[in-house]
Amino acid sequence: MTIESVQYTLQDHVATIRIDDGKRNALSPQVLREINQALDQAESDRAIVIMTGREAVFSAGFDLRVMKRGGINALRMLRAGYALTARLMAYPYPVIAACNGHALAMGVFLMLSADYVIGSRGDFKIAANEVAIGLTMPRVAAAMLRHRLNPAAFQRAVTLSDYFDAESALRAGFFDELVDPIDLIPHAETRAEELRELDQRAHTASKRRIRAALIRKIRFSIPLDLLDAALMGLRRARAR
C-alpha cells in the first residue's frame, strides 16, 4: 500500500509507516488522514508499527499554511492531530517511533505517543516551540510532554520552548535510546522483532490500563484546545 505522502510497508507482521511529503513532513489534513489510513491497515494486518520520517526530518508539526488560513479546516486539522495521539497510545500492538531528524511541535507529540522512541544522532533539534511562536501550550500537548519528560525538562520544554539536541533529548526523556543514523531503521526492526515475543493481549491490556486516565484527559481536552484556537483566530482576524 502506497499513499502519496505516507508509505506503508509490511514484513513479518511489522508495518513501517514513513511520512514523506518531500519537504518538512508537515502534518496537514491530508497527511493526518493518510497516517490514520495506514494505521487502519496495520491494525487489520495485526502488525507492530514503526513510524519514521523522511531524511533528516521526522515532522515539523502542523501545516502552518492551514493554521494561518484558520477556519474550519484548521480546527479539523488540530482535532485530527490531537486525536491521533490518543489512538496511538491505545494501539493494540507495540508502536516504535524512529526519529530520524528534526521534530517540532505536533511532530514531537506524535513521536511521544509511541511505546518506544529511538532517536538518531546528528545535528537535529527537538522542540515544542508553541510559546516561541506566540501560542499558549495546548492542554493535549502539555499532557503528552508530561507523559514522557523528566520534571525539569518538562518545565523548560513547555514554558521556555527550549530546543533539545539529540543527546539532551535523550536525557530529557524524549528518546528511550539513541543510535547512529545508519543504524536507526535496522535497530527499530530488531526491536520490533523482540517486541513480537510479548504476549500481545497482555501488552494491549496493560498499556490501556496505565494510560486510561491520560487518554481520557486528552479526549476531554481536545474540545477545550479547539475552542482556544478558534478564539485566537477571531482575535487575530479582528486585529487585521
Protein backbone atom coordinates (compact mmCIF):
# COMPACT_ATOMS: atom_id res chain seq x y z
CA MET A 1 0.00 0.00 0.00
CA THR A 2 1.49 3.34 -1.06
CA ILE A 3 -0.13 6.68 -0.37
CA GLU A 4 1.08 9.99 -1.70
CA SER A 5 2.70 11.36 1.46
CA VAL A 6 2.70 8.28 3.69
CA GLN A 7 4.24 4.99 2.66
CA TYR A 8 3.13 1.71 4.22
CA THR A 9 5.18 -1.48 4.02
CA LEU A 10 4.59 -4.77 5.82
CA GLN A 11 7.07 -7.53 6.55
CA ASP A 12 6.68 -10.34 9.09
CA HIS A 13 3.87 -8.56 10.94
CA VAL A 14 5.93 -5.38 11.28
CA ALA A 15 4.45 -2.36 9.49
CA THR A 16 6.64 0.62 8.66
CA ILE A 17 4.78 3.91 8.24
CA ARG A 18 7.04 6.51 6.63
CA ILE A 19 5.95 10.12 6.41
CA ASP A 20 7.45 11.89 3.40
CA ASP A 21 5.83 14.98 1.92
CA GLY A 22 9.07 15.91 0.16
CA LYS A 23 9.62 18.88 2.46
CA ARG A 24 9.33 19.16 6.24
CA ASN A 25 6.70 16.46 6.84
CA ALA A 26 4.09 18.99 7.87
CA LEU A 27 1.06 17.28 9.40
CA SER A 28 -1.56 18.62 7.03
CA PRO A 29 -5.13 17.31 6.96
CA GLN A 30 -4.13 15.04 4.08
CA VAL A 31 -1.08 13.63 5.85
CA LEU A 32 -3.02 13.05 9.07
CA ARG A 33 -5.73 11.27 7.09
CA GLU A 34 -3.12 9.09 5.39
CA ILE A 35 -1.46 8.20 8.71
CA ASN A 36 -4.84 7.08 10.04
CA GLN A 37 -5.43 5.03 6.89
CA ALA A 38 -2.03 3.41 7.34
CA LEU A 39 -2.86 2.63 10.98
CA ASP A 40 -6.17 1.11 9.85
CA GLN A 41 -4.20 -1.17 7.53
CA ALA A 42 -1.64 -2.01 10.23
CA GLU A 43 -4.38 -2.90 12.68
CA SER A 44 -6.02 -5.10 10.06
CA ASP A 45 -2.63 -6.75 9.49
CA ARG A 46 -2.21 -7.22 13.28
CA ALA A 47 1.14 -5.51 12.95
CA ILE A 48 3.65 -3.84 15.21
CA VAL A 49 4.23 -0.30 13.88
CA ILE A 50 7.48 1.51 13.17
CA MET A 51 6.82 5.17 12.41
CA THR A 52 9.53 7.31 10.85
CA GLY A 53 10.05 10.32 8.58
CA ARG A 54 11.98 11.37 5.51
CA GLU A 55 15.70 12.05 5.56
CA ALA A 56 16.71 14.37 8.42
CA VAL A 57 13.16 15.23 9.50
CA PHE A 58 10.59 13.31 11.48
CA SER A 59 7.96 16.06 11.36
CA ALA A 60 7.89 19.83 11.71
CA GLY A 61 4.38 19.77 13.18
CA PHE A 62 1.05 21.03 11.92
CA ASP A 63 0.87 22.59 8.46
CA LEU A 64 1.34 26.31 9.15
CA ARG A 65 -0.30 27.29 5.85
CA VAL A 66 -3.54 25.69 7.04
CA MET A 67 -3.11 27.22 10.50
CA LYS A 68 -2.65 30.74 9.09
CA ARG A 69 -5.76 30.47 6.95
CA GLY A 70 -7.72 29.48 10.04
CA GLY A 71 -11.36 28.48 9.89
CA ILE A 72 -12.90 25.05 9.97
CA ASN A 73 -10.06 23.34 8.10
CA ALA A 74 -7.53 24.45 10.71
CA LEU A 75 -9.77 23.22 13.53
CA ARG A 76 -10.30 19.89 11.80
CA MET A 77 -6.54 19.52 11.40
CA LEU A 78 -5.97 20.23 15.08
CA ARG A 79 -8.68 17.76 16.08
CA ALA A 80 -7.22 15.04 13.86
CA GLY A 81 -3.69 15.56 15.18
CA TYR A 82 -4.65 15.60 18.83
CA ALA A 83 -6.93 12.56 18.43
CA LEU A 84 -4.09 10.68 16.72
CA THR A 85 -2.05 10.82 19.93
CA ALA A 86 -4.79 9.01 21.84
CA ARG A 87 -5.20 6.47 19.07
CA LEU A 88 -1.51 5.61 19.02
CA MET A 89 -1.28 5.29 22.79
CA ALA A 90 -4.12 2.75 22.73
CA TYR A 91 -2.97 0.94 19.56
CA PRO A 92 -3.33 -2.82 20.15
CA TYR A 93 0.28 -3.70 19.25
CA PRO A 94 3.62 -2.08 20.11
CA VAL A 95 4.46 1.19 18.37
CA ILE A 96 8.06 2.30 17.81
CA ALA A 97 8.93 5.83 16.74
CA ALA A 98 12.22 6.00 14.81
CA CYS A 99 13.03 9.71 14.94
CA ASN A 100 15.46 10.31 12.09
CA GLY A 101 15.79 14.09 12.39
CA HIS A 102 14.09 17.29 13.46
CA ALA A 103 10.82 17.01 15.40
CA LEU A 104 8.85 20.12 16.29
CA ALA A 105 5.50 20.86 17.93
CA MET A 106 2.89 18.30 16.81
CA GLY A 107 5.71 16.22 15.37
CA VAL A 108 7.05 15.85 18.91
CA PHE A 109 3.65 14.90 20.31
CA LEU A 110 3.16 12.32 17.58
CA MET A 111 6.58 10.83 18.37
CA LEU A 112 5.88 10.73 22.12
CA SER A 113 2.67 8.76 21.51
CA ALA A 114 4.75 5.68 20.70
CA ASP A 115 5.57 2.95 23.18
CA TYR A 116 9.28 3.17 22.43
CA VAL A 117 11.20 6.07 20.87
CA ILE A 118 14.58 5.66 19.18
CA GLY A 119 16.45 8.82 18.26
CA SER A 120 19.15 9.38 15.67
CA ARG A 121 22.44 11.09 16.43
CA GLY A 122 23.08 14.21 14.40
CA ASP A 123 22.59 17.96 14.26
CA PHE A 124 18.86 17.73 14.90
CA LYS A 125 16.52 19.76 17.08
CA ILE A 126 13.61 18.54 19.17
CA ALA A 127 11.26 21.21 20.48
CA ALA A 128 7.70 22.00 21.47
CA ASN A 129 8.05 25.57 20.24
CA GLU A 130 4.49 26.82 20.77
CA VAL A 131 5.40 29.55 23.26
CA ALA A 132 8.17 30.78 20.96
CA ILE A 133 5.64 31.44 18.19
CA GLY A 134 3.10 33.09 20.47
CA LEU A 135 0.82 30.17 21.39
CA THR A 136 -0.23 29.05 24.84
CA MET A 137 0.76 25.41 25.13
CA PRO A 138 -2.33 23.32 24.30
CA ARG A 139 -3.60 21.02 27.03
CA VAL A 140 -3.15 17.94 24.86
CA ALA A 141 0.43 18.91 24.05
CA ALA A 142 1.29 19.55 27.70
CA ALA A 143 -0.18 16.18 28.67
CA MET A 144 1.97 14.40 26.09
CA LEU A 145 5.12 16.16 27.28
CA ARG A 146 4.37 15.42 30.93
CA HIS A 147 3.80 11.77 29.98
CA ARG A 148 7.40 11.37 28.80
CA LEU A 149 9.74 14.08 30.09
CA ASN A 150 11.52 14.40 33.39
CA PRO A 151 10.14 17.28 35.51
CA ALA A 152 12.90 19.83 34.83
CA ALA A 153 12.88 19.18 31.08
CA PHE A 154 9.09 19.36 31.05
CA GLN A 155 9.18 22.84 32.60
CA ARG A 156 11.77 24.08 30.10
CA ALA A 157 10.02 22.50 27.13
CA VAL A 158 6.63 23.99 27.97
CA THR A 159 7.42 27.42 29.37
CA LEU A 160 10.68 28.30 27.58
CA SER A 161 10.31 26.46 24.24
CA ASP A 162 13.78 25.03 24.79
CA TYR A 163 15.39 23.29 21.83
CA PHE A 164 16.99 19.96 22.67
CA ASP A 165 19.77 18.40 20.65
CA ALA A 166 19.91 14.62 20.29
CA GLU A 167 21.94 13.96 23.43
CA SER A 168 19.96 16.32 25.67
CA ALA A 169 16.70 14.96 24.22
CA LEU A 170 17.77 11.50 25.38
CA ARG A 171 18.49 12.79 28.89
CA ALA A 172 15.20 14.72 28.97
CA GLY A 173 13.11 11.66 28.11
CA PHE A 174 12.12 12.37 24.51
CA PHE A 175 14.08 9.27 23.46
CA ASP A 176 14.46 5.85 25.05
CA GLU A 177 17.77 5.35 23.26
CA LEU A 178 19.98 6.98 20.66
CA VAL A 179 21.73 5.32 17.72
CA ASP A 180 23.76 6.34 14.68
CA PRO A 181 21.65 7.34 11.65
CA ILE A 182 22.69 4.31 9.60
CA ASP A 183 21.54 2.02 12.41
CA LEU A 184 18.17 3.66 13.09
CA ILE A 185 15.81 1.58 10.95
CA PRO A 186 17.70 -1.72 11.36
CA HIS A 187 17.68 -1.19 15.12
CA ALA A 188 13.97 -0.33 15.10
CA GLU A 189 13.29 -3.50 13.12
CA THR A 190 15.33 -5.56 15.59
CA ARG A 191 13.43 -4.00 18.48
CA ALA A 192 10.14 -4.77 16.73
CA GLU A 193 11.17 -8.41 16.38
CA GLU A 194 11.91 -8.50 20.11
CA LEU A 195 8.52 -6.97 20.91
CA ARG A 196 6.78 -9.61 18.79
CA GLU A 197 7.69 -12.07 21.56
CA LEU A 198 5.44 -10.26 24.03
CA ASP A 199 2.02 -11.58 24.82
CA GLN A 200 0.17 -9.05 22.67
CA ARG A 201 -3.11 -9.36 24.57
CA ALA A 202 -1.33 -8.58 27.84
CA HIS A 203 0.61 -5.74 26.18
CA THR A 204 -2.58 -4.09 24.94
CA ALA A 205 -4.48 -4.52 28.20
CA SER A 206 -1.56 -3.24 30.28
CA LYS A 207 -0.86 -0.09 28.30
CA ARG A 208 -4.53 0.78 28.05
CA ARG A 209 -4.86 0.30 31.81
CA ILE A 210 -1.93 2.52 32.80
CA ARG A 211 -2.79 5.16 30.17
CA ALA A 212 -6.54 5.24 30.71
CA ALA A 213 -6.51 8.49 32.69
CA LEU A 214 -4.15 10.17 30.22
CA ILE A 215 -6.22 9.12 27.21
CA ARG A 216 -9.39 10.39 28.92
CA LYS A 217 -7.62 13.67 29.69
CA ILE A 218 -6.58 14.07 26.06
CA ARG A 219 -10.06 13.36 24.74
CA PHE A 220 -11.58 15.76 27.28
CA SER A 221 -9.00 18.44 26.40
CA ILE A 222 -9.46 18.34 22.63
CA PRO A 223 -12.65 20.49 22.51
CA LEU A 224 -11.14 22.94 25.00
CA ASP A 225 -8.00 23.31 22.89
CA LEU A 226 -10.12 23.73 19.77
CA LEU A 227 -12.11 26.48 21.48
CA ASP A 228 -8.88 28.24 22.44
CA ALA A 229 -7.68 28.00 18.83
CA ALA A 230 -10.97 29.35 17.48
CA LEU A 231 -10.92 32.31 19.88
CA MET A 232 -7.31 33.10 18.97
CA GLY A 233 -8.26 33.04 15.31
CA LEU A 234 -11.06 35.51 15.97
CA ARG A 235 -8.73 37.83 17.88
CA ARG A 236 -6.21 37.78 15.05
CA ALA A 237 -8.89 38.42 12.46
CA ARG A 238 -10.14 41.47 14.39
CA ALA A 239 -6.59 42.81 14.75
CA ARG A 240 -6.04 42.92 10.99
